[in-house]
Structures are given as structure tokens and as C-alpha cells.
C-alpha atoms as a PDB file:
ATOM      1  CA  MET A   1      57.425  18.640  10.943  1.00  0.00           C
ATOM      2  CA  SER A   2      54.423  17.239   9.719  1.00  0.00           C
ATOM      3  CA  ALA A   3      51.358  19.126   7.454  1.00  0.00           C
ATOM      4  CA  GLN A   4      48.230  18.776   9.295  1.00  0.00           C
ATOM      5  CA  SER A   5      45.358  19.573   7.816  1.00  0.00           C
ATOM      6  CA  THR A   6      43.771  22.629   8.880  1.00  0.00           C
ATOM      7  CA  THR A   7      39.966  21.006   8.591  1.00  0.00           C
ATOM      8  CA  SER A   8      37.840  21.105  11.654  1.00  0.00           C
ATOM      9  CA  ILE A   9      34.702  19.993  13.062  1.00  0.00           C
ATOM     10  CA  PRO A  10      32.422  22.336  12.296  1.00  0.00           C
ATOM     11  CA  ASP A  11      31.224  24.689  14.530  1.00  0.00           C
ATOM     12  CA  PRO A  12      27.246  23.137  15.654  1.00  0.00           C
ATOM     13  CA  THR A  13      26.044  27.184  16.755  1.00  0.00           C
ATOM     14  CA  THR A  14      26.896  28.002  13.251  1.00  0.00           C
ATOM     15  CA  ARG A  15      25.060  26.351  11.059  1.00  0.00           C
ATOM     16  CA  TYR A  16      24.023  22.863  12.089  1.00  0.00           C
ATOM     17  CA  ARG A  17      21.540  23.805  14.457  1.00  0.00           C
ATOM     18  CA  ARG A  18      19.562  21.508  16.135  1.00  0.00           C
ATOM     19  CA  THR A  19      15.626  22.228  16.838  1.00  0.00           C
ATOM     20  CA  GLY A  20      14.984  20.750  20.161  1.00  0.00           C
ATOM     21  CA  MET A  21      12.692  18.195  18.263  1.00  0.00           C
ATOM     22  CA  HIS A  22      12.312  15.664  20.492  1.00  0.00           C
ATOM     23  CA  GLY A  23       9.710  12.451  20.087  1.00  0.00           C
ATOM     24  CA  VAL A  24       8.933  10.416  16.552  1.00  0.00           C
ATOM     25  CA  ASN A  25       9.840  12.014  14.115  1.00  0.00           C
ATOM     26  CA  THR A  26       7.325  11.682  11.613  1.00  0.00           C
ATOM     27  CA  GLU A  27       8.055  12.531   7.918  1.00  0.00           C
ATOM     28  CA  MET A  28      11.823   9.881   8.704  1.00  0.00           C
ATOM     29  CA  MET A  29       9.104   7.546   9.866  1.00  0.00           C
ATOM     30  CA  SER A  30       7.471   8.227   6.354  1.00  0.00           C
ATOM     31  CA  TRP A  31      10.866   8.051   4.437  1.00  0.00           C
ATOM     32  CA  LEU A  32      11.522   4.411   6.204  1.00  0.00           C
ATOM     33  CA  PHE A  33       7.428   3.279   5.722  1.00  0.00           C
ATOM     34  CA  MET A  34       7.925   3.854   1.524  1.00  0.00           C
ATOM     35  CA  ARG A  35      11.343   1.864   1.802  1.00  0.00           C
ATOM     36  CA  VAL A  36       9.578  -1.231   3.038  1.00  0.00           C
ATOM     37  CA  SER A  37       6.572  -0.736   2.240  1.00  0.00           C
ATOM     38  CA  GLY A  38       8.175  -0.669  -1.732  1.00  0.00           C
ATOM     39  CA  VAL A  39      10.424  -3.745  -0.913  1.00  0.00           C
ATOM     40  CA  LEU A  40       6.830  -6.068  -0.283  1.00  0.00           C
ATOM     41  CA  LEU A  41       4.954  -4.197  -2.397  1.00  0.00           C
ATOM     42  CA  VAL A  42       7.573  -6.281  -5.225  1.00  0.00           C
ATOM     43  CA  ILE A  43       7.365  -9.608  -3.296  1.00  0.00           C
ATOM     44  CA  LEU A  44       3.490  -9.762  -3.065  1.00  0.00           C
ATOM     45  CA  VAL A  45       2.596  -8.441  -6.771  1.00  0.00           C
ATOM     46  CA  PHE A  46       5.365 -10.574  -8.719  1.00  0.00           C
ATOM     47  CA  GLY A  47       3.921 -13.307  -5.708  1.00  0.00           C
ATOM     48  CA  HIS A  48       0.525 -12.260  -7.553  1.00  0.00           C
ATOM     49  CA  LEU A  49       1.743 -12.544 -11.078  1.00  0.00           C
ATOM     50  CA  PHE A  50       3.108 -15.522 -10.692  1.00  0.00           C
ATOM     51  CA  VAL A  51       0.759 -17.577  -9.651  1.00  0.00           C
ATOM     52  CA  ASN A  52      -2.245 -16.503 -11.294  1.00  0.00           C
ATOM     53  CA  LEU A  53      -0.669 -15.217 -14.492  1.00  0.00           C
ATOM     54  CA  TRP A  54       2.397 -18.024 -15.282  1.00  0.00           C
ATOM     55  CA  LEU A  55       1.294 -21.023 -13.034  1.00  0.00           C
ATOM     56  CA  GLY A  56      -1.844 -20.440 -14.622  1.00  0.00           C
ATOM     57  CA  GLU A  57      -4.240 -20.363 -17.476  1.00  0.00           C
ATOM     58  CA  GLY A  58      -2.714 -16.755 -18.112  1.00  0.00           C
ATOM     59  CA  VAL A  59      -5.029 -14.017 -18.471  1.00  0.00           C
ATOM     60  CA  LYS A  60      -8.187 -15.923 -20.299  1.00  0.00           C
ATOM     61  CA  GLY A  61      -8.191 -18.205 -17.187  1.00  0.00           C
ATOM     62  CA  ILE A  62      -9.042 -15.131 -14.321  1.00  0.00           C
ATOM     63  CA  ASP A  63     -13.109 -15.453 -13.872  1.00  0.00           C
ATOM     64  CA  PHE A  64     -14.697 -15.027 -11.304  1.00  0.00           C
ATOM     65  CA  ALA A  65     -14.783 -18.686 -10.605  1.00  0.00           C
ATOM     66  CA  PHE A  66     -11.292 -17.796 -10.470  1.00  0.00           C
ATOM     67  CA  VAL A  67     -11.107 -15.393  -7.557  1.00  0.00           C
ATOM     68  CA  GLY A  68     -13.631 -17.620  -5.761  1.00  0.00           C
ATOM     69  CA  GLY A  69     -11.486 -20.390  -5.203  1.00  0.00           C
ATOM     70  CA  LYS A  70      -8.895 -18.684  -4.894  1.00  0.00           C
ATOM     71  CA  TRP A  71     -10.234 -16.062  -1.344  1.00  0.00           C
ATOM     72  CA  ALA A  72     -11.630 -19.906  -0.179  1.00  0.00           C
ATOM     73  CA  SER A  73      -7.771 -19.837   1.045  1.00  0.00           C
ATOM     74  CA  PRO A  74      -7.754 -17.788   4.282  1.00  0.00           C
ATOM     75  CA  PHE A  75      -3.577 -17.653   2.817  1.00  0.00           C
ATOM     76  CA  TRP A  76      -5.359 -16.377  -0.284  1.00  0.00           C
ATOM     77  CA  GLN A  77      -7.169 -13.152   1.547  1.00  0.00           C
ATOM     78  CA  VAL A  78      -4.383 -12.187   3.780  1.00  0.00           C
ATOM     79  CA  TRP A  79      -1.829 -11.761   0.185  1.00  0.00           C
ATOM     80  CA  ASP A  80      -4.569  -9.349  -1.453  1.00  0.00           C
ATOM     81  CA  LEU A  81      -5.352  -7.775   1.843  1.00  0.00           C
ATOM     82  CA  LEU A  82      -1.879  -6.750   2.730  1.00  0.00           C
ATOM     83  CA  MET A  83      -1.573  -6.362  -1.503  1.00  0.00           C
ATOM     84  CA  LEU A  84      -3.937  -3.483  -1.406  1.00  0.00           C
ATOM     85  CA  TRP A  85      -3.344  -1.857   1.810  1.00  0.00           C
ATOM     86  CA  LEU A  86       0.403  -1.118   1.270  1.00  0.00           C
ATOM     87  CA  GLY A  87      -0.259  -0.851  -1.894  1.00  0.00           C
ATOM     88  CA  LEU A  88      -3.225   2.181  -0.851  1.00  0.00           C
ATOM     89  CA  ILE A  89      -0.729   3.514   2.246  1.00  0.00           C
ATOM     90  CA  HIS A  90       2.388   3.576   0.208  1.00  0.00           C
ATOM     91  CA  GLY A  91      -0.127   5.144  -2.515  1.00  0.00           C
ATOM     92  CA  GLY A  92      -1.053   7.673  -0.235  1.00  0.00           C
ATOM     93  CA  ASN A  93       1.540   8.067   0.993  1.00  0.00           C
ATOM     94  CA  GLY A  94       3.665   9.091  -2.022  1.00  0.00           C
ATOM     95  CA  VAL A  95       0.238  11.677  -3.140  1.00  0.00           C
ATOM     96  CA  ARG A  96       0.826  12.990   0.062  1.00  0.00           C
ATOM     97  CA  THR A  97       4.290  14.279  -0.025  1.00  0.00           C
ATOM     98  CA  ILE A  98       3.122  15.208  -3.582  1.00  0.00           C
ATOM     99  CA  ILE A  99       0.684  17.574  -2.420  1.00  0.00           C
ATOM    100  CA  SER A 100       3.314  19.120   0.375  1.00  0.00           C
ATOM    101  CA  ASP A 101       5.789  19.609  -2.329  1.00  0.00           C
ATOM    102  CA  TYR A 102       2.992  22.298  -4.826  1.00  0.00           C
ATOM    103  CA  ALA A 103       0.394  22.455  -2.617  1.00  0.00           C
ATOM    104  CA  ARG A 104       1.421  26.365  -1.675  1.00  0.00           C
ATOM    105  CA  LYS A 105      -1.623  27.687   0.099  1.00  0.00           C
ATOM    106  CA  PRO A 106      -2.389  26.326   3.477  1.00  0.00           C
ATOM    107  CA  THR A 107      -5.763  25.512   2.616  1.00  0.00           C
ATOM    108  CA  VAL A 108      -5.832  23.720  -0.152  1.00  0.00           C
ATOM    109  CA  ARG A 109      -2.969  21.381   1.511  1.00  0.00           C
ATOM    110  CA  MET A 110      -5.808  20.615   4.102  1.00  0.00           C
ATOM    111  CA  VAL A 111      -8.179  20.530   1.437  1.00  0.00           C
ATOM    112  CA  LEU A 112      -6.071  18.314  -0.488  1.00  0.00           C
ATOM    113  CA  LYS A 113      -4.847  16.294   2.431  1.00  0.00           C
ATOM    114  CA  SER A 114      -8.761  15.265   4.009  1.00  0.00           C
ATOM    115  CA  LEU A 115      -9.958  14.154   0.410  1.00  0.00           C
ATOM    116  CA  LEU A 116      -6.667  12.137  -0.080  1.00  0.00           C
ATOM    117  CA  LEU A 117      -6.911  10.351   3.064  1.00  0.00           C
ATOM    118  CA  PHE A 118     -10.996  10.182   2.840  1.00  0.00           C
ATOM    119  CA  ALA A 119     -10.663   8.443  -0.262  1.00  0.00           C
ATOM    120  CA  VAL A 120      -7.360   5.997   0.507  1.00  0.00           C
ATOM    121  CA  VAL A 121      -9.901   4.975   3.809  1.00  0.00           C
ATOM    122  CA  VAL A 122     -12.859   4.615   2.204  1.00  0.00           C
ATOM    123  CA  THR A 123     -10.398   1.928  -0.532  1.00  0.00           C
ATOM    124  CA  ILE A 124      -9.123   0.038   2.075  1.00  0.00           C
ATOM    125  CA  VAL A 125     -12.595  -0.167   4.065  1.00  0.00           C
ATOM    126  CA  LEU A 126     -14.237  -1.093   0.669  1.00  0.00           C
ATOM    127  CA  GLY A 127     -11.171  -2.700  -0.452  1.00  0.00           C
ATOM    128  CA  THR A 128     -10.777  -5.165   3.318  1.00  0.00           C
ATOM    129  CA  LEU A 129     -15.135  -6.440   2.875  1.00  0.00           C
ATOM    130  CA  VAL A 130     -15.107  -7.677   0.103  1.00  0.00           C
ATOM    131  CA  ILE A 131     -11.937  -9.858   0.074  1.00  0.00           C
ATOM    132  CA  PHE A 132     -13.499 -11.290   3.501  1.00  0.00           C
ATOM    133  CA  THR A 133     -17.417 -11.135   2.890  1.00  0.00           C
ATOM    134  CA  PHE A 134     -16.713 -12.565  -0.607  1.00  0.00           C
ATOM    135  CA  ASP A 135     -19.384 -15.644  -1.566  1.00  0.00           C
ATOM    136  CA  PRO A 136     -18.819 -17.310  -4.718  1.00  0.00           C
ATOM    137  CA  CYS A 137     -22.205 -19.316  -3.946  1.00  0.00           C
ATOM    138  CA  PRO A 138     -24.967 -17.184  -2.585  1.00  0.00           C
ATOM    139  CA  VAL A 139     -28.038 -18.774  -1.433  1.00  0.00           C
ATOM    140  CA  GLY A 140     -30.646 -18.724  -3.044  1.00  0.00           C
ATOM    141  CA  ALA A 141     -28.585 -17.093  -6.376  1.00  0.00           C
ATOM    142  CA  ASP A 142     -29.551 -19.148 -10.520  1.00  0.00           C
ATOM    143  CA  PRO A 143     -27.673 -22.398 -10.358  1.00  0.00           C
ATOM    144  CA  SER A 144     -26.430 -21.927 -14.185  1.00  0.00           C
ATOM    145  CA  LEU A 145     -25.017 -17.860 -12.973  1.00  0.00           C
ATOM    146  CA  LEU A 146     -23.162 -19.740 -10.255  1.00  0.00           C
ATOM    147  CA  PRO A 147     -19.356 -21.521 -10.917  1.00  0.00           C
ATOM    148  CA  SER A 148     -18.647 -25.340 -11.119  1.00  0.00           C
ATOM    149  CA  PHE A 149     -17.292 -25.797  -7.464  1.00  0.00           C
ATOM    150  CA  CYS A 150     -20.576 -24.186  -6.101  1.00  0.00           C
ATOM    151  CA  GLU A 151     -23.003 -27.488  -4.789  1.00  0.00           C
ATOM    152  CA  GLY A 152     -25.856 -27.309  -6.287  1.00  0.00           C
END
């Protein structure tokens, strides 16, 4: 006779009970977003650094004219917009998790999360407006202050 294992499948009603939750698990979606956005951010940030610093003239080459020329292309506008949105939402989600872990009182937790949401939304809106409304050659500006690519 062979020895049989005495381990068995645990009874689901004893230790591991199902919560009965149905629908979307927001914490799981948040966890998944952090992983996906983290990978995308690494690609976007290193691409940004590679193009701006290594292919260009380095830090000394980044000025108003450089940004104006770069943001004249919809490709770079979308690239920078993705970095802005993913970075702020990723960071805001991380801070939200920290607030949930360390803020003991529900009122404090709600106030901190509300302030965080306000700060993230305002920064995203303002950053998006800057990216899409940036005009390096404003009408009526002093020509000596404009970048070289602006027509007189």
C-alpha cells in the first residue's frame, strides 16, 4: 500500500469566505493601472530624455525656442500630454494609496483625498492647456525676444 497525502482542499466556509462582491473591483483596477502606467511612463520618460538630451545639445540646448519647435509637432504634443496625464494620475493614485493606509480618521482621509483630487485635476487641466495653446510666436511681441524660427 502506498502512503496517501493527508492534505485536502480547505473548506471555503471556514477561513476564506467570499465577500459576495459583484462588479468592478476598483482596487484591483488601480493596482493594474499602476503596473501598466509605470511601464508606459518608463518608455515615455526615457524616450523624452534620449531625444532631448542625448540626440540634442544636452541641457544647454533646451530653451524656449527648443520647446516651441518641439510643440509645433502634434506627435510631441501627444507624447508630452501622455507623460503629463500618466505621471499625474500614476502619482496621484500612489498618494491616494498612502492616504488610505495612514490616515486613520475617515474625515481626515476624505479631506486629504479631496485635496489630492483637486490638485491632480487642476494640474492636468492647466498642463493640457499649456501644451495645446502654447504659441512661441505671439502676435505683437517684441521681435528681439522671439525665437529665430518666428517670422518677423
